[in-house]
Amino acid sequence: MLYLTRSDVESAGITMSEIVAALDHMFHEKGKGNAEMPPKPGIHPKEDAFIHAMPGYLPGIGAAGVKWVSGYPDNRSKGLPYISGLIILNDPDTGIPMAVMDATWVTAMRTGAATAVAAKYLARPESRTAGIIACGVQGRTNLEALACLFDITHVRAFDTNHESAFRFAHEVQQAFHIEVQVVDTPRQAVHDLDLVVTSGPIFKHPNPIIEPGWLAPGAFACPIDFDSYWLGDALREADKLATDDRGQLEYYRSVGYFQTTPIPYADLGEIATGTRARRESEAERIICINLGLALEDMATARLVYDRALERGIGMELPL
């Protein structure tokens, strides 16, 4: 079995563009029914914390396995990551575990890539401005992924921790040469922008702050923090409300989340394959709630595994 630390995973050298392409292919496969992914079960040892098991299988690329991932909002005050976990890849022919790898980098990158895939089909191609609410790891990787597909020239960033927002601005400007303006209110990071991402902690009983009228006509928004930032009326204002997986959203609704969220008209598999409509006019407000899918992890982890084998990265361990 190949064991890959976080450093090993990162040193494999998989680019964001490669992950975006892999996830675009994955959503096409999912939309055609060529994938297996049950809703993720989980446990909740602390309020607003979770530990989820995320199994998935993509026959086309031989990716089968599970991610065991946790999200603990209080970890930030302890100097620990909000998201952490492990991915196990199994040989689809025998079921034998063939790799175990750190999930932190994979989770961050695939989440941003999934936002970019949604935007590819649902945002205006000429989108140039973006708003980021919550300027942690996910805020950065979501912007990195969007910049793979859009010529982003200006970003407005908001975080309740201004130090985090300014650090984000500095890192983005250095890495991607995009102008970033740190703003004082969430509204400034939504109003009159082409692309909007909210990436804060997930709360079962949120106190959302994004109101109707903030999202501009023609804009695209991707909440990756469930409905923690969006009032139900703001979500209902969308001309199209999509998600990455309808079954998973309904599962979460059944256990108490998304109580004021409208029913999505489609998921990204249906949108990618063209069985449900993509953007149909310049003026449509479109929101896609991305929950994070095990299939995204499997597609990305398989890329990492194959590259690690090519480059001799990682440690072979006996079972």
Protein backbone atom coordinates (compact mmCIF):
# COMPACT_ATOMS: atom_id res chain seq x y z
CA MET A 1 0.00 0.00 0.00
CA LEU A 2 1.28 3.48 -0.89
CA TYR A 3 1.18 6.03 1.93
CA LEU A 4 1.25 9.73 0.96
CA THR A 5 1.69 12.49 3.52
CA ARG A 6 0.33 15.96 2.86
CA SER A 7 3.79 16.99 1.67
CA ASP A 8 3.85 13.99 -0.68
CA VAL A 9 0.41 14.86 -2.07
CA GLU A 10 1.43 18.44 -2.76
CA SER A 11 4.78 17.45 -4.29
CA ALA A 12 3.03 15.27 -6.88
CA GLY A 13 2.59 18.54 -8.78
CA ILE A 14 -1.05 18.23 -9.86
CA THR A 15 -2.21 21.64 -11.11
CA MET A 16 -5.56 23.28 -10.53
CA SER A 17 -6.24 23.23 -14.28
CA GLU A 18 -5.77 19.45 -14.28
CA ILE A 19 -8.22 19.06 -11.40
CA VAL A 20 -10.80 21.31 -13.06
CA ALA A 21 -10.57 19.18 -16.21
CA ALA A 22 -10.81 15.94 -14.20
CA LEU A 23 -13.90 17.15 -12.34
CA ASP A 24 -15.54 18.38 -15.53
CA HIS A 25 -15.11 14.86 -16.92
CA MET A 26 -16.36 13.37 -13.66
CA PHE A 27 -19.58 15.42 -13.73
CA HIS A 28 -20.20 14.25 -17.31
CA GLU A 29 -19.76 10.65 -16.15
CA LYS A 30 -22.03 11.24 -13.15
CA GLY A 31 -24.66 12.80 -15.39
CA LYS A 32 -24.57 9.74 -17.65
CA GLY A 33 -24.98 7.39 -14.68
CA ASN A 34 -21.41 6.08 -14.81
CA ALA A 35 -20.64 6.55 -11.12
CA GLU A 36 -21.68 5.30 -7.70
CA MET A 37 -21.95 7.62 -4.71
CA PRO A 38 -24.30 7.19 -1.74
CA PRO A 39 -25.10 10.24 0.43
CA LYS A 40 -22.31 10.74 2.94
CA PRO A 41 -23.10 9.53 6.48
CA GLY A 42 -21.55 11.35 9.40
CA ILE A 43 -21.20 11.81 13.12
CA HIS A 44 -21.22 15.09 15.03
CA PRO A 45 -19.16 14.92 18.24
CA LYS A 46 -19.49 18.69 18.84
CA GLU A 47 -22.01 21.33 17.82
CA ASP A 48 -21.41 22.47 14.23
CA ALA A 49 -18.54 19.97 13.90
CA PHE A 50 -18.70 16.89 11.71
CA ILE A 51 -16.80 13.75 10.75
CA HIS A 52 -18.08 12.31 7.47
CA ALA A 53 -17.47 9.13 5.52
CA MET A 54 -17.55 9.82 1.77
CA PRO A 55 -17.44 6.74 -0.49
CA GLY A 56 -17.39 6.95 -4.26
CA TYR A 57 -16.63 4.92 -7.38
CA LEU A 58 -15.71 6.10 -10.90
CA PRO A 59 -15.38 3.00 -13.12
CA GLY A 60 -14.00 4.97 -16.08
CA ILE A 61 -10.79 5.88 -14.29
CA GLY A 62 -10.62 3.00 -11.82
CA ALA A 63 -11.11 5.24 -8.79
CA ALA A 64 -12.82 3.60 -5.82
CA GLY A 65 -12.50 4.56 -2.19
CA VAL A 66 -13.58 6.67 0.70
CA LYS A 67 -12.64 9.93 2.36
CA TRP A 68 -12.90 10.17 6.15
CA VAL A 69 -13.01 13.91 6.73
CA SER A 70 -13.70 16.23 9.66
CA GLY A 71 -14.67 19.87 9.92
CA TYR A 72 -14.22 21.61 13.28
CA PRO A 73 -14.85 25.40 13.28
CA ASP A 74 -13.19 25.85 16.69
CA ASN A 75 -9.90 24.44 15.42
CA ARG A 76 -8.85 27.84 14.11
CA SER A 77 -8.52 29.17 17.67
CA LYS A 78 -6.21 26.22 18.42
CA GLY A 79 -3.97 26.76 15.41
CA LEU A 80 -5.39 23.65 13.73
CA PRO A 81 -7.03 23.33 10.30
CA TYR A 82 -10.81 23.49 10.03
CA ILE A 83 -10.77 20.56 7.58
CA SER A 84 -8.63 17.43 7.97
CA GLY A 85 -8.87 13.79 7.00
CA LEU A 86 -7.60 10.78 5.05
CA ILE A 87 -8.45 9.22 1.70
CA ILE A 88 -8.27 5.47 1.06
CA LEU A 89 -8.13 4.25 -2.53
CA ASN A 90 -9.02 0.62 -3.22
CA ASP A 91 -8.25 -1.57 -6.19
CA PRO A 92 -11.66 -1.85 -7.92
CA ASP A 93 -10.83 -5.40 -9.09
CA THR A 94 -9.87 -6.88 -5.72
CA GLY A 95 -11.02 -4.38 -3.10
CA ILE A 96 -7.53 -4.33 -1.60
CA PRO A 97 -6.47 -0.88 -0.29
CA MET A 98 -3.76 0.44 -2.60
CA ALA A 99 -3.19 3.91 -1.14
CA VAL A 100 -3.81 6.08 1.91
CA MET A 101 -3.22 9.80 1.57
CA ASP A 102 -3.77 13.01 3.47
CA ALA A 103 -7.05 14.64 2.39
CA THR A 104 -6.42 18.27 3.31
CA TRP A 105 -4.89 19.45 0.03
CA VAL A 106 -7.21 17.29 -2.08
CA THR A 107 -10.29 18.69 -0.32
CA ALA A 108 -9.19 22.28 -0.75
CA MET A 109 -8.30 21.92 -4.41
CA ARG A 110 -11.25 19.82 -5.56
CA THR A 111 -13.70 22.18 -3.85
CA GLY A 112 -12.36 25.12 -5.79
CA ALA A 113 -12.33 23.08 -8.99
CA ALA A 114 -15.99 22.10 -8.57
CA THR A 115 -16.91 25.78 -8.27
CA ALA A 116 -15.07 26.47 -11.53
CA VAL A 117 -16.91 23.65 -13.29
CA ALA A 118 -20.25 25.05 -12.09
CA ALA A 119 -19.23 28.52 -13.27
CA LYS A 120 -18.18 27.16 -16.67
CA TYR A 121 -21.79 26.23 -17.38
CA LEU A 122 -23.70 28.77 -15.31
CA ALA A 123 -21.69 32.02 -15.23
CA ARG A 124 -21.32 34.54 -18.05
CA PRO A 125 -18.13 33.75 -20.01
CA GLU A 126 -17.08 37.41 -19.88
CA SER A 127 -17.19 37.50 -16.05
CA ARG A 128 -14.27 39.57 -14.75
CA THR A 129 -15.01 40.50 -11.12
CA ALA A 130 -15.35 38.28 -8.07
CA GLY A 131 -16.37 38.50 -4.44
CA ILE A 132 -15.00 36.18 -1.76
CA ILE A 133 -16.67 35.95 1.64
CA ALA A 134 -14.49 34.08 4.17
CA CYS A 135 -10.84 34.32 3.19
CA GLY A 136 -9.42 31.02 4.37
CA VAL A 137 -8.00 28.14 2.35
CA GLN A 138 -11.24 27.58 0.46
CA GLY A 139 -11.54 31.23 -0.48
CA ARG A 140 -8.08 31.07 -2.04
CA THR A 141 -8.52 27.78 -3.92
CA ASN A 142 -11.94 28.80 -5.23
CA LEU A 143 -10.47 31.99 -6.64
CA GLU A 144 -7.50 30.07 -8.08
CA ALA A 145 -9.87 27.68 -9.85
CA LEU A 146 -12.10 30.45 -11.21
CA ALA A 147 -9.01 32.20 -12.54
CA CYS A 148 -8.26 29.09 -14.62
CA LEU A 149 -11.40 29.73 -16.67
CA PHE A 150 -12.12 33.46 -16.35
CA ASP A 151 -9.99 36.55 -16.86
CA ILE A 152 -10.56 37.92 -13.37
CA THR A 153 -9.26 41.46 -12.98
CA HIS A 154 -10.71 42.59 -9.64
CA VAL A 155 -11.72 40.88 -6.38
CA ARG A 156 -13.47 42.15 -3.30
CA ALA A 157 -12.74 40.15 -0.16
CA PHE A 158 -14.54 40.11 3.18
CA ASP A 159 -13.76 38.20 6.35
CA THR A 160 -14.88 38.77 9.93
CA ASN A 161 -11.16 38.59 10.73
CA HIS A 162 -9.64 41.55 8.87
CA GLU A 163 -6.14 40.15 9.30
CA SER A 164 -7.22 37.05 7.35
CA ALA A 165 -8.69 39.21 4.60
CA PHE A 166 -5.52 41.28 4.20
CA ARG A 167 -3.35 38.14 4.23
CA PHE A 168 -5.60 36.67 1.55
CA ALA A 169 -5.30 39.84 -0.53
CA HIS A 170 -1.51 39.80 -0.31
CA GLU A 171 -1.25 36.10 -1.22
CA VAL A 172 -3.63 36.39 -4.18
CA GLN A 173 -1.94 39.48 -5.55
CA GLN A 174 1.47 37.80 -5.26
CA ALA A 175 0.39 34.45 -6.71
CA PHE A 176 -2.11 35.41 -9.41
CA HIS A 177 -1.48 39.14 -10.03
CA ILE A 178 -5.15 39.96 -9.42
CA GLU A 179 -6.17 43.21 -7.74
CA VAL A 180 -7.86 42.48 -4.41
CA GLN A 181 -9.79 45.06 -2.39
CA VAL A 182 -10.52 44.21 1.25
CA VAL A 183 -14.02 45.48 2.09
CA ASP A 184 -15.76 46.23 5.37
CA THR A 185 -19.14 44.58 4.83
CA PRO A 186 -20.41 41.33 3.26
CA ARG A 187 -22.68 43.32 0.96
CA GLN A 188 -19.66 44.94 -0.69
CA ALA A 189 -18.34 41.45 -1.52
CA VAL A 190 -21.58 40.50 -3.29
CA HIS A 191 -23.13 43.63 -4.81
CA ASP A 192 -22.51 44.33 -8.50
CA LEU A 193 -19.97 41.49 -8.98
CA ASP A 194 -19.93 38.77 -11.64
CA LEU A 195 -18.83 35.82 -9.48
CA VAL A 196 -19.43 35.33 -5.75
CA VAL A 197 -18.17 32.56 -3.45
CA THR A 198 -19.04 32.15 0.22
CA SER A 199 -16.74 29.71 2.03
CA GLY A 200 -17.24 30.04 5.77
CA PRO A 201 -17.96 27.32 8.35
CA ILE A 202 -21.13 25.25 7.96
CA PHE A 203 -23.84 25.72 10.58
CA LYS A 204 -26.94 23.60 11.06
CA HIS A 205 -28.81 26.60 12.45
CA PRO A 206 -27.19 29.53 10.66
CA ASN A 207 -27.73 33.26 10.99
CA PRO A 208 -27.50 34.20 7.30
CA ILE A 209 -26.72 37.76 6.25
CA ILE A 210 -26.91 37.88 2.43
CA GLU A 211 -30.19 39.53 1.53
CA PRO A 212 -32.30 39.69 -1.63
CA GLY A 213 -31.15 42.38 -4.02
CA TRP A 214 -27.46 42.00 -3.24
CA LEU A 215 -26.66 39.58 -6.09
CA ALA A 216 -26.64 41.47 -9.37
CA PRO A 217 -28.62 40.43 -12.47
CA GLY A 218 -26.35 38.22 -14.57
CA ALA A 219 -24.20 37.17 -11.61
CA PHE A 220 -23.24 33.66 -10.57
CA ALA A 221 -22.78 32.63 -6.92
CA CYS A 222 -21.49 29.43 -5.39
CA PRO A 223 -22.09 28.89 -1.67
CA ILE A 224 -19.79 26.09 -0.47
CA ASP A 225 -20.87 26.62 3.14
CA PHE A 226 -24.42 25.30 2.63
CA ASP A 227 -26.90 28.13 3.32
CA SER A 228 -24.92 29.55 6.23
CA TYR A 229 -24.59 33.01 4.60
CA TRP A 230 -27.70 33.14 2.39
CA LEU A 231 -31.20 34.05 3.51
CA GLY A 232 -33.91 31.89 2.00
CA ASP A 233 -35.36 34.91 0.19
CA ALA A 234 -31.95 35.61 -1.38
CA LEU A 235 -31.77 32.03 -2.66
CA ARG A 236 -35.34 32.22 -3.96
CA GLU A 237 -34.40 35.35 -5.92
CA ALA A 238 -32.17 33.25 -8.20
CA ASP A 239 -33.55 32.55 -11.65
CA LYS A 240 -31.86 29.16 -11.43
CA LEU A 241 -30.81 27.37 -8.24
CA ALA A 242 -28.62 24.31 -8.81
CA THR A 243 -26.51 21.98 -6.68
CA ASP A 244 -23.73 19.47 -7.24
CA ASP A 245 -25.96 16.57 -6.15
CA ARG A 246 -29.70 16.74 -5.58
CA GLY A 247 -29.91 13.50 -3.61
CA GLN A 248 -27.27 14.68 -1.17
CA LEU A 249 -28.97 18.05 -0.65
CA GLU A 250 -32.28 16.32 0.09
CA TYR A 251 -30.51 14.04 2.55
CA TYR A 252 -29.15 17.06 4.39
CA ARG A 253 -32.58 18.68 4.33
CA SER A 254 -34.02 15.54 5.97
CA VAL A 255 -31.60 15.88 8.91
CA GLY A 256 -32.26 19.57 9.53
CA TYR A 257 -30.19 21.61 7.08
CA PHE A 258 -31.53 23.77 4.22
CA GLN A 259 -34.86 24.42 5.88
CA THR A 260 -35.49 27.64 3.91
CA THR A 261 -33.69 26.62 0.71
CA PRO A 262 -35.74 26.11 -2.48
CA ILE A 263 -35.59 22.78 -4.32
CA PRO A 264 -32.83 22.93 -6.99
CA TYR A 265 -33.88 22.59 -10.61
CA ALA A 266 -30.82 20.47 -11.53
CA ASP A 267 -27.48 19.13 -10.41
CA LEU A 268 -24.14 19.58 -12.11
CA GLY A 269 -24.16 16.15 -13.72
CA GLU A 270 -27.41 16.99 -15.49
CA ILE A 271 -26.13 20.45 -16.41
CA ALA A 272 -22.77 19.20 -17.71
CA THR A 273 -24.41 16.59 -19.95
CA GLY A 274 -26.98 19.08 -21.22
CA THR A 275 -30.05 17.22 -19.94
CA ARG A 276 -30.97 20.30 -17.91
CA ALA A 277 -30.56 23.89 -19.05
CA ARG A 278 -27.36 25.86 -18.54
CA ARG A 279 -27.33 29.68 -18.51
CA GLU A 280 -29.95 30.89 -20.97
CA SER A 281 -29.66 34.69 -20.75
CA GLU A 282 -27.22 37.43 -19.79
CA ALA A 283 -29.50 38.67 -17.02
CA GLU A 284 -30.11 35.43 -15.12
CA ARG A 285 -29.07 35.31 -11.48
CA ILE A 286 -27.78 31.76 -10.94
CA ILE A 287 -26.72 30.13 -7.68
CA CYS A 288 -25.15 26.66 -7.38
CA ILE A 289 -24.91 25.21 -3.87
CA ASN A 290 -21.91 22.87 -3.89
CA LEU A 291 -21.96 20.39 -1.02
CA GLY A 292 -18.69 18.63 -1.81
CA LEU A 293 -18.82 15.16 -3.38
CA ALA A 294 -16.87 11.97 -2.78
CA LEU A 295 -16.57 11.61 -6.56
CA GLU A 296 -14.57 14.85 -6.63
CA ASP A 297 -12.17 13.37 -4.08
CA MET A 298 -11.84 10.09 -5.96
CA ALA A 299 -11.13 11.83 -9.28
CA THR A 300 -8.49 14.06 -7.68
CA ALA A 301 -6.96 11.34 -5.52
CA ARG A 302 -6.54 9.10 -8.56
CA LEU A 303 -4.60 11.89 -10.30
CA VAL A 304 -2.37 12.23 -7.24
CA TYR A 305 -1.85 8.47 -6.92
CA ASP A 306 -0.89 7.98 -10.57
CA ARG A 307 1.52 10.94 -10.52
CA ALA A 308 3.07 9.75 -7.25
CA LEU A 309 3.76 6.34 -8.80
CA GLU A 310 5.34 7.99 -11.85
CA ARG A 311 7.62 10.12 -9.69
CA GLY A 312 8.40 7.58 -6.98
CA ILE A 313 6.76 9.68 -4.26
CA GLY A 314 5.49 8.20 -1.00
CA MET A 315 6.22 5.22 1.22
CA GLU A 316 5.26 1.60 0.58
CA LEU A 317 3.68 0.07 3.69
CA PRO A 318 2.57 -3.50 4.37
CA LEU A 319 -1.09 -4.11 5.12
